[in-house]
Amino acid sequence: MSVLQNFYMSETEPMENERTHVCRYHSQSHQHPGTSLQTRKHAQSSPEDFHIEVSPGTYKITAGTQDSQEQTRVVRINAGESMNLTFHL
């Protein structure tokens, strides 16, 4: 039987000037940020789920363990979009 651990990390609500900056300079659309990126790590001992909310943009996500080679993915997150990533470590 495997144990599933969930880790959730939420940032504080951005201030209005931060939202304006992100929407103006880091997004192709003019919507407010509110996106999420979900990452699941499958390890032989115990899989872990991570839920991370991020502003729209392009992100480079790297996962690895001491016993495995790092895996990296580049993703583009748009406003209001969710994405699931799975790393097999």
PDB file of N, CA and C in Angstrom:
ATOM      1  N   MET A   1       0.847  -1.171   0.000  1.00  0.00           N
ATOM      2  CA  MET A   1       0.000   0.000   0.000  1.00  0.00           C
ATOM      3  C   MET A   1       0.889   1.230   0.000  1.00  0.00           C
ATOM      4  N   SER A   2       0.640   2.146  -0.891  1.00  0.00           N
ATOM      5  CA  SER A   2       1.449   3.364  -0.951  1.00  0.00           C
ATOM      6  C   SER A   2       0.761   4.483  -0.185  1.00  0.00           C
ATOM      7  N   VAL A   3       1.567   5.369   0.331  1.00  0.00           N
ATOM      8  CA  VAL A   3       1.066   6.514   1.084  1.00  0.00           C
ATOM      9  C   VAL A   3       1.125   7.732   0.177  1.00  0.00           C
ATOM     10  N   LEU A   4       0.058   8.495   0.137  1.00  0.00           N
ATOM     11  CA  LEU A   4      -0.003   9.696  -0.688  1.00  0.00           C
ATOM     12  C   LEU A   4       0.044  10.908   0.220  1.00  0.00           C
ATOM     13  N   GLN A   5       1.035  11.756   0.013  1.00  0.00           N
ATOM     14  CA  GLN A   5       1.156  12.975   0.792  1.00  0.00           C
ATOM     15  C   GLN A   5       0.847  14.151  -0.117  1.00  0.00           C
ATOM     16  N   ASN A   6       0.027  15.045   0.359  1.00  0.00           N
ATOM     17  CA  ASN A   6      -0.310  16.239  -0.407  1.00  0.00           C
ATOM     18  C   ASN A   6       0.321  17.453   0.241  1.00  0.00           C
ATOM     19  N   PHE A   7       0.954  18.266  -0.553  1.00  0.00           N
ATOM     20  CA  PHE A   7       1.538  19.508  -0.090  1.00  0.00           C
ATOM     21  C   PHE A   7       0.903  20.629  -0.900  1.00  0.00           C
ATOM     22  N   TYR A   8       0.334  21.582  -0.225  1.00  0.00           N
ATOM     23  CA  TYR A   8      -0.306  22.696  -0.909  1.00  0.00           C
ATOM     24  C   TYR A   8       0.337  23.982  -0.449  1.00  0.00           C
ATOM     25  N   MET A   9       0.675  24.823  -1.388  1.00  0.00           N
ATOM     26  CA  MET A   9       1.350  26.062  -1.069  1.00  0.00           C
ATOM     27  C   MET A   9       0.597  27.192  -1.758  1.00  0.00           C
ATOM     28  N   SER A  10       0.062  28.089  -0.967  1.00  0.00           N
ATOM     29  CA  SER A  10      -0.651  29.230  -1.525  1.00  0.00           C
ATOM     30  C   SER A  10       0.091  30.506  -1.193  1.00  0.00           C
ATOM     31  N   GLU A  11       0.132  31.380  -2.141  1.00  0.00           N
ATOM     32  CA  GLU A  11       0.720  32.697  -1.924  1.00  0.00           C
ATOM     33  C   GLU A  11      -0.366  33.632  -1.423  1.00  0.00           C
ATOM     34  N   THR A  12       0.057  34.704  -0.796  1.00  0.00           N
ATOM     35  CA  THR A  12      -0.907  35.715  -0.388  1.00  0.00           C
ATOM     36  C   THR A  12      -1.494  36.362  -1.635  1.00  0.00           C
ATOM     37  N   GLU A  13      -2.668  36.920  -1.508  1.00  0.00           N
ATOM     38  CA  GLU A  13      -3.298  37.605  -2.635  1.00  0.00           C
ATOM     39  C   GLU A  13      -2.415  38.765  -3.088  1.00  0.00           C
ATOM     40  N   PRO A  14      -2.159  38.872  -4.385  1.00  0.00           N
ATOM     41  CA  PRO A  14      -1.327  39.984  -4.863  1.00  0.00           C
ATOM     42  C   PRO A  14      -2.060  41.314  -4.725  1.00  0.00           C
ATOM     43  N   MET A  15      -1.282  42.358  -4.537  1.00  0.00           N
ATOM     44  CA  MET A  15      -1.850  43.699  -4.476  1.00  0.00           C
ATOM     45  C   MET A  15      -2.252  44.116  -5.894  1.00  0.00           C
ATOM     46  N   GLU A  16      -3.117  45.094  -6.009  1.00  0.00           N
ATOM     47  CA  GLU A  16      -3.631  45.514  -7.318  1.00  0.00           C
ATOM     48  C   GLU A  16      -2.512  45.965  -8.254  1.00  0.00           C
ATOM     49  N   ASN A  17      -1.507  46.681  -7.728  1.00  0.00           N
ATOM     50  CA  ASN A  17      -0.406  47.115  -8.593  1.00  0.00           C
ATOM     51  C   ASN A  17       0.414  45.923  -9.085  1.00  0.00           C
ATOM     52  N   GLU A  18       0.512  44.848  -8.294  1.00  0.00           N
ATOM     53  CA  GLU A  18       1.212  43.645  -8.748  1.00  0.00           C
ATOM     54  C   GLU A  18       0.420  42.955  -9.857  1.00  0.00           C
ATOM     55  N   ARG A  19      -0.891  42.886  -9.696  1.00  0.00           N
ATOM     56  CA  ARG A  19      -1.737  42.294 -10.741  1.00  0.00           C
ATOM     57  C   ARG A  19      -1.610  43.067 -12.048  1.00  0.00           C
ATOM     58  N   THR A  20      -1.651  44.384 -11.944  1.00  0.00           N
ATOM     59  CA  THR A  20      -1.537  45.227 -13.130  1.00  0.00           C
ATOM     60  C   THR A  20      -0.201  45.001 -13.822  1.00  0.00           C
ATOM     61  N   HIS A  21       0.870  44.940 -13.044  1.00  0.00           N
ATOM     62  CA  HIS A  21       2.201  44.718 -13.610  1.00  0.00           C
ATOM     63  C   HIS A  21       2.264  43.370 -14.330  1.00  0.00           C
ATOM     64  N   VAL A  22       1.808  42.310 -13.660  1.00  0.00           N
ATOM     65  CA  VAL A  22       1.865  40.976 -14.255  1.00  0.00           C
ATOM     66  C   VAL A  22       1.028  40.920 -15.524  1.00  0.00           C
ATOM     67  N   CYS A  23      -0.172  41.471 -15.465  1.00  0.00           N
ATOM     68  CA  CYS A  23      -1.043  41.444 -16.654  1.00  0.00           C
ATOM     69  C   CYS A  23      -0.459  42.251 -17.807  1.00  0.00           C
ATOM     70  N   ARG A  24       0.190  43.344 -17.481  1.00  0.00           N
ATOM     71  CA  ARG A  24       0.725  44.218 -18.526  1.00  0.00           C
ATOM     72  C   ARG A  24       2.013  43.662 -19.136  1.00  0.00           C
ATOM     73  N   TYR A  25       2.932  43.167 -18.309  1.00  0.00           N
ATOM     74  CA  TYR A  25       4.264  42.818 -18.802  1.00  0.00           C
ATOM     75  C   TYR A  25       4.544  41.322 -18.923  1.00  0.00           C
ATOM     76  N   HIS A  26       3.716  40.479 -18.342  1.00  0.00           N
ATOM     77  CA  HIS A  26       4.033  39.054 -18.333  1.00  0.00           C
ATOM     78  C   HIS A  26       2.928  38.183 -18.908  1.00  0.00           C
ATOM     79  N   SER A  27       1.940  38.764 -19.538  1.00  0.00           N
ATOM     80  CA  SER A  27       0.820  37.994 -20.048  1.00  0.00           C
ATOM     81  C   SER A  27       0.427  38.506 -21.428  1.00  0.00           C
ATOM     82  N   GLN A  28      -0.005  37.578 -22.278  1.00  0.00           N
ATOM     83  CA  GLN A  28      -0.473  37.981 -23.596  1.00  0.00           C
ATOM     84  C   GLN A  28      -1.906  38.476 -23.539  1.00  0.00           C
ATOM     85  N   SER A  29      -2.654  38.065 -22.535  1.00  0.00           N
ATOM     86  CA  SER A  29      -4.023  38.555 -22.386  1.00  0.00           C
ATOM     87  C   SER A  29      -4.058  39.554 -21.240  1.00  0.00           C
ATOM     88  N   HIS A  30      -5.120  40.305 -21.127  1.00  0.00           N
ATOM     89  CA  HIS A  30      -5.224  41.316 -20.084  1.00  0.00           C
ATOM     90  C   HIS A  30      -6.140  40.868 -18.963  1.00  0.00           C
ATOM     91  N   GLN A  31      -6.158  39.565 -18.676  1.00  0.00           N
ATOM     92  CA  GLN A  31      -6.955  39.050 -17.578  1.00  0.00           C
ATOM     93  C   GLN A  31      -6.111  39.046 -16.316  1.00  0.00           C
ATOM     94  N   HIS A  32      -6.784  38.994 -15.172  1.00  0.00           N
ATOM     95  CA  HIS A  32      -6.068  38.929 -13.901  1.00  0.00           C
ATOM     96  C   HIS A  32      -5.491  37.537 -13.702  1.00  0.00           C
ATOM     97  N   PRO A  33      -4.341  37.450 -13.033  1.00  0.00           N
ATOM     98  CA  PRO A  33      -3.760  36.139 -12.775  1.00  0.00           C
ATOM     99  C   PRO A  33      -4.661  35.325 -11.859  1.00  0.00           C
ATOM    100  N   GLY A  34      -4.617  34.052 -12.007  1.00  0.00           N
ATOM    101  CA  GLY A  34      -5.377  33.143 -11.173  1.00  0.00           C
ATOM    102  C   GLY A  34      -5.190  31.751 -11.718  1.00  0.00           C
ATOM    103  N   THR A  35      -3.974  31.374 -11.944  1.00  0.00           N
ATOM    104  CA  THR A  35      -3.681  30.107 -12.584  1.00  0.00           C
ATOM    105  C   THR A  35      -3.086  29.156 -11.572  1.00  0.00           C
ATOM    106  N   SER A  36      -3.074  27.909 -11.932  1.00  0.00           N
ATOM    107  CA  SER A  36      -2.455  26.949 -11.033  1.00  0.00           C
ATOM    108  C   SER A  36      -1.666  25.935 -11.831  1.00  0.00           C
ATOM    109  N   LEU A  37      -0.684  25.421 -11.194  1.00  0.00           N
ATOM    110  CA  LEU A  37       0.189  24.419 -11.775  1.00  0.00           C
ATOM    111  C   LEU A  37       0.248  23.276 -10.788  1.00  0.00           C
ATOM    112  N   GLN A  38      -0.113  22.079 -11.222  1.00  0.00           N
ATOM    113  CA  GLN A  38      -0.083  20.936 -10.332  1.00  0.00           C
ATOM    114  C   GLN A  38       1.015  20.004 -10.787  1.00  0.00           C
ATOM    115  N   THR A  39       1.795  19.560  -9.844  1.00  0.00           N
ATOM    116  CA  THR A  39       2.900  18.664 -10.138  1.00  0.00           C
ATOM    117  C   THR A  39       2.747  17.416  -9.295  1.00  0.00           C
ATOM    118  N   ARG A  40       2.892  16.270  -9.909  1.00  0.00           N
ATOM    119  CA  ARG A  40       2.838  15.015  -9.173  1.00  0.00           C
ATOM    120  C   ARG A  40       4.175  14.320  -9.339  1.00  0.00           C
ATOM    121  N   LYS A  41       4.742  13.890  -8.231  1.00  0.00           N
ATOM    122  CA  LYS A  41       6.010  13.184  -8.253  1.00  0.00           C
ATOM    123  C   LYS A  41       5.740  11.727  -7.920  1.00  0.00           C
ATOM    124  N   HIS A  42       6.125  10.800  -8.789  1.00  0.00           N
ATOM    125  CA  HIS A  42       5.973   9.378  -8.532  1.00  0.00           C
ATOM    126  C   HIS A  42       7.325   8.827  -8.100  1.00  0.00           C
ATOM    127  N   ALA A  43       7.423   8.429  -6.868  1.00  0.00           N
ATOM    128  CA  ALA A  43       8.640   7.790  -6.378  1.00  0.00           C
ATOM    129  C   ALA A  43       8.278   6.365  -6.000  1.00  0.00           C
ATOM    130  N   GLN A  44       9.260   5.497  -5.978  1.00  0.00           N
ATOM    131  CA  GLN A  44       8.983   4.116  -5.633  1.00  0.00           C
ATOM    132  C   GLN A  44       8.429   4.005  -4.223  1.00  0.00           C
ATOM    133  N   SER A  45       8.898   4.847  -3.324  1.00  0.00           N
ATOM    134  CA  SER A  45       8.460   4.737  -1.941  1.00  0.00           C
ATOM    135  C   SER A  45       7.121   5.417  -1.698  1.00  0.00           C
ATOM    136  N   SER A  46       6.957   6.640  -2.148  1.00  0.00           N
ATOM    137  CA  SER A  46       5.690   7.329  -1.888  1.00  0.00           C
ATOM    138  C   SER A  46       5.476   8.464  -2.883  1.00  0.00           C
ATOM    139  N   PRO A  47       4.376   8.417  -3.645  1.00  0.00           N
ATOM    140  CA  PRO A  47       4.074   9.527  -4.558  1.00  0.00           C
ATOM    141  C   PRO A  47       3.643  10.758  -3.767  1.00  0.00           C
ATOM    142  N   GLU A  48       3.933  11.915  -4.296  1.00  0.00           N
ATOM    143  CA  GLU A  48       3.564  13.165  -3.649  1.00  0.00           C
ATOM    144  C   GLU A  48       2.911  14.078  -4.676  1.00  0.00           C
ATOM    145  N   ASP A  49       1.860  14.774  -4.255  1.00  0.00           N
ATOM    146  CA  ASP A  49       1.190  15.768  -5.087  1.00  0.00           C
ATOM    147  C   ASP A  49       1.530  17.152  -4.568  1.00  0.00           C
ATOM    148  N   PHE A  50       1.811  18.058  -5.480  1.00  0.00           N
ATOM    149  CA  PHE A  50       2.065  19.448  -5.135  1.00  0.00           C
ATOM    150  C   PHE A  50       1.089  20.303  -5.927  1.00  0.00           C
ATOM    151  N   HIS A  51       0.463  21.249  -5.281  1.00  0.00           N
ATOM    152  CA  HIS A  51      -0.431  22.199  -5.949  1.00  0.00           C
ATOM    153  C   HIS A  51       0.149  23.580  -5.703  1.00  0.00           C
ATOM    154  N   ILE A  52       0.547  24.251  -6.778  1.00  0.00           N
ATOM    155  CA  ILE A  52       1.202  25.549  -6.658  1.00  0.00           C
ATOM    156  C   ILE A  52       0.467  26.538  -7.547  1.00  0.00           C
ATOM    157  N   GLU A  53       0.025  27.647  -6.979  1.00  0.00           N
ATOM    158  CA  GLU A  53      -0.628  28.690  -7.765  1.00  0.00           C
ATOM    159  C   GLU A  53       0.417  29.697  -8.217  1.00  0.00           C
ATOM    160  N   VAL A  54       0.382  30.014  -9.502  1.00  0.00           N
ATOM    161  CA  VAL A  54       1.360  30.937 -10.081  1.00  0.00           C
ATOM    162  C   VAL A  54       0.648  31.955 -10.960  1.00  0.00           C
ATOM    163  N   SER A  55       1.311  33.034 -11.232  1.00  0.00           N
ATOM    164  CA  SER A  55       0.808  34.035 -12.173  1.00  0.00           C
ATOM    165  C   SER A  55       1.043  33.533 -13.591  1.00  0.00           C
ATOM    166  N   PRO A  56       0.307  34.053 -14.560  1.00  0.00           N
ATOM    167  CA  PRO A  56       0.528  33.640 -15.946  1.00  0.00           C
ATOM    168  C   PRO A  56       1.978  33.891 -16.355  1.00  0.00           C
ATOM    169  N   GLY A  57       2.504  33.003 -17.165  1.00  0.00           N
ATOM    170  CA  GLY A  57       3.869  33.167 -17.640  1.00  0.00           C
ATOM    171  C   GLY A  57       4.459  31.848 -18.086  1.00  0.00           C
ATOM    172  N   THR A  58       5.730  31.867 -18.393  1.00  0.00           N
ATOM    173  CA  THR A  58       6.468  30.677 -18.796  1.00  0.00           C
ATOM    174  C   THR A  58       7.345  30.254 -17.634  1.00  0.00           C
ATOM    175  N   TYR A  59       7.300  28.973 -17.313  1.00  0.00           N
ATOM    176  CA  TYR A  59       8.024  28.447 -16.163  1.00  0.00           C
ATOM    177  C   TYR A  59       8.854  27.238 -16.562  1.00  0.00           C
ATOM    178  N   LYS A  60       9.992  27.099 -15.930  1.00  0.00           N
ATOM    179  CA  LYS A  60      10.862  25.936 -16.091  1.00  0.00           C
ATOM    180  C   LYS A  60      10.792  25.171 -14.775  1.00  0.00           C
ATOM    181  N   ILE A  61      10.270  23.937 -14.819  1.00  0.00           N
ATOM    182  CA  ILE A  61      10.086  23.128 -13.626  1.00  0.00           C
ATOM    183  C   ILE A  61      11.049  21.959 -13.689  1.00  0.00           C
ATOM    184  N   THR A  62      11.817  21.792 -12.630  1.00  0.00           N
ATOM    185  CA  THR A  62      12.790  20.710 -12.548  1.00  0.00           C
ATOM    186  C   THR A  62      12.491  19.869 -11.321  1.00  0.00           C
ATOM    187  N   ALA A  63      12.509  18.550 -11.488  1.00  0.00           N
ATOM    188  CA  ALA A  63      12.299  17.625 -10.376  1.00  0.00           C
ATOM    189  C   ALA A  63      13.374  16.560 -10.431  1.00  0.00           C
ATOM    190  N   GLY A  64      13.749  16.061  -9.278  1.00  0.00           N
ATOM    191  CA  GLY A  64      14.753  15.009  -9.226  1.00  0.00           C
ATOM    192  C   GLY A  64      14.960  14.540  -7.805  1.00  0.00           C
ATOM    193  N   THR A  65      15.633  13.431  -7.678  1.00  0.00           N
ATOM    194  CA  THR A  65      16.023  12.907  -6.375  1.00  0.00           C
ATOM    195  C   THR A  65      17.516  12.636  -6.411  1.00  0.00           C
ATOM    196  N   GLN A  66      18.064  12.294  -5.262  1.00  0.00           N
ATOM    197  CA  GLN A  66      19.493  11.986  -5.221  1.00  0.00           C
ATOM    198  C   GLN A  66      19.822  10.763  -6.065  1.00  0.00           C
ATOM    199  N   ASP A  67      18.849   9.850  -6.205  1.00  0.00           N
ATOM    200  CA  ASP A  67      19.083   8.597  -6.923  1.00  0.00           C
ATOM    201  C   ASP A  67      18.653   8.634  -8.384  1.00  0.00           C
ATOM    202  N   SER A  68      18.137   9.767  -8.865  1.00  0.00           N
ATOM    203  CA  SER A  68      17.662   9.820 -10.249  1.00  0.00           C
ATOM    204  C   SER A  68      18.202  11.057 -10.952  1.00  0.00           C
ATOM    205  N   GLN A  69      18.123  11.012 -12.259  1.00  0.00           N
ATOM    206  CA  GLN A  69      18.523  12.159 -13.062  1.00  0.00           C
ATOM    207  C   GLN A  69      17.404  13.197 -13.027  1.00  0.00           C
ATOM    208  N   GLU A  70      17.770  14.468 -12.983  1.00  0.00           N
ATOM    209  CA  GLU A  70      16.767  15.532 -12.963  1.00  0.00           C
ATOM    210  C   GLU A  70      15.975  15.540 -14.264  1.00  0.00           C
ATOM    211  N   GLN A  71      14.696  15.857 -14.152  1.00  0.00           N
ATOM    212  CA  GLN A  71      13.825  16.025 -15.309  1.00  0.00           C
ATOM    213  C   GLN A  71      13.341  17.468 -15.310  1.00  0.00           C
ATOM    214  N   THR A  72      13.358  18.096 -16.470  1.00  0.00           N
ATOM    215  CA  THR A  72      12.952  19.497 -16.583  1.00  0.00           C
ATOM    216  C   THR A  72      11.899  19.634 -17.670  1.00  0.00           C
ATOM    217  N   ARG A  73      10.890  20.447 -17.382  1.00  0.00           N
ATOM    218  CA  ARG A  73       9.862  20.762 -18.366  1.00  0.00           C
ATOM    219  C   ARG A  73       9.670  22.271 -18.394  1.00  0.00           C
ATOM    220  N   VAL A  74       9.440  22.817 -19.573  1.00  0.00           N
ATOM    221  CA  VAL A  74       9.128  24.235 -19.731  1.00  0.00           C
ATOM    222  C   VAL A  74       7.657  24.315 -20.116  1.00  0.00           C
ATOM    223  N   VAL A  75       6.898  25.100 -19.354  1.00  0.00           N
ATOM    224  CA  VAL A  75       5.461  25.209 -19.605  1.00  0.00           C
ATOM    225  C   VAL A  75       5.049  26.667 -19.680  1.00  0.00           C
ATOM    226  N   ARG A  76       4.020  26.924 -20.451  1.00  0.00           N
ATOM    227  CA  ARG A  76       3.425  28.263 -20.559  1.00  0.00           C
ATOM    228  C   ARG A  76       2.046  28.187 -19.923  1.00  0.00           C
ATOM    229  N   ILE A  77       1.798  29.008 -18.911  1.00  0.00           N
ATOM    230  CA  ILE A  77       0.525  29.041 -18.201  1.00  0.00           C
ATOM    231  C   ILE A  77      -0.185  30.341 -18.553  1.00  0.00           C
ATOM    232  N   ASN A  78      -1.415  30.239 -19.045  1.00  0.00           N
ATOM    233  CA  ASN A  78      -2.226  31.414 -19.356  1.00  0.00           C
ATOM    234  C   ASN A  78      -3.166  31.716 -18.195  1.00  0.00           C
ATOM    235  N   ALA A  79      -3.728  32.897 -18.170  1.00  0.00           N
ATOM    236  CA  ALA A  79      -4.650  33.305 -17.108  1.00  0.00           C
ATOM    237  C   ALA A  79      -5.818  32.331 -17.023  1.00  0.00           C
ATOM    238  N   GLY A  80      -6.128  31.886 -15.802  1.00  0.00           N
ATOM    239  CA  GLY A  80      -7.244  30.984 -15.565  1.00  0.00           C
ATOM    240  C   GLY A  80      -6.987  29.537 -15.929  1.00  0.00           C
ATOM    241  N   GLU A  81      -5.791  29.192 -16.338  1.00  0.00           N
ATOM    242  CA  GLU A  81      -5.471  27.852 -16.811  1.00  0.00           C
ATOM    243  C   GLU A  81      -4.880  27.004 -15.688  1.00  0.00           C
ATOM    244  N   SER A  82      -5.169  25.706 -15.714  1.00  0.00           N
ATOM    245  CA  SER A  82      -4.556  24.729 -14.818  1.00  0.00           C
ATOM    246  C   SER A  82      -3.765  23.748 -15.656  1.00  0.00           C
ATOM    247  N   MET A  83      -2.738  23.175 -15.061  1.00  0.00           N
ATOM    248  CA  MET A  83      -1.908  22.223 -15.782  1.00  0.00           C
ATOM    249  C   MET A  83      -1.433  21.151 -14.812  1.00  0.00           C
ATOM    250  N   ASN A  84      -1.430  19.910 -15.258  1.00  0.00           N
ATOM    251  CA  ASN A  84      -0.901  18.804 -14.470  1.00  0.00           C
ATOM    252  C   ASN A  84       0.395  18.334 -15.098  1.00  0.00           C
ATOM    253  N   LEU A  85       1.405  18.147 -14.284  1.00  0.00           N
ATOM    254  CA  LEU A  85       2.680  17.592 -14.735  1.00  0.00           C
ATOM    255  C   LEU A  85       2.972  16.353 -13.911  1.00  0.00           C
ATOM    256  N   THR A  86       3.507  15.332 -14.539  1.00  0.00           N
ATOM    257  CA  THR A  86       3.907  14.124 -13.832  1.00  0.00           C
ATOM    258  C   THR A  86       5.373  13.867 -14.121  1.00  0.00           C
ATOM    259  N   PHE A  87       6.146  13.706 -13.063  1.00  0.00           N
ATOM    260  CA  PHE A  87       7.559  13.365 -13.182  1.00  0.00           C
ATOM    261  C   PHE A  87       7.735  11.939 -12.664  1.00  0.00           C
ATOM    262  N   HIS A  88       8.350  11.093 -13.452  1.00  0.00           N
ATOM    263  CA  HIS A  88       8.641   9.723 -13.034  1.00  0.00           C
ATOM    264  C   HIS A  88      10.093   9.689 -12.577  1.00  0.00           C
ATOM    265  N   LEU A  89      10.275   9.677 -11.268  1.00  0.00           N
ATOM    266  CA  LEU A  89      11.630   9.747 -10.705  1.00  0.00           C
ATOM    267  C   LEU A  89      12.066   8.401 -10.175  1.00  0.00           C
TER     268      LEU A  89
END
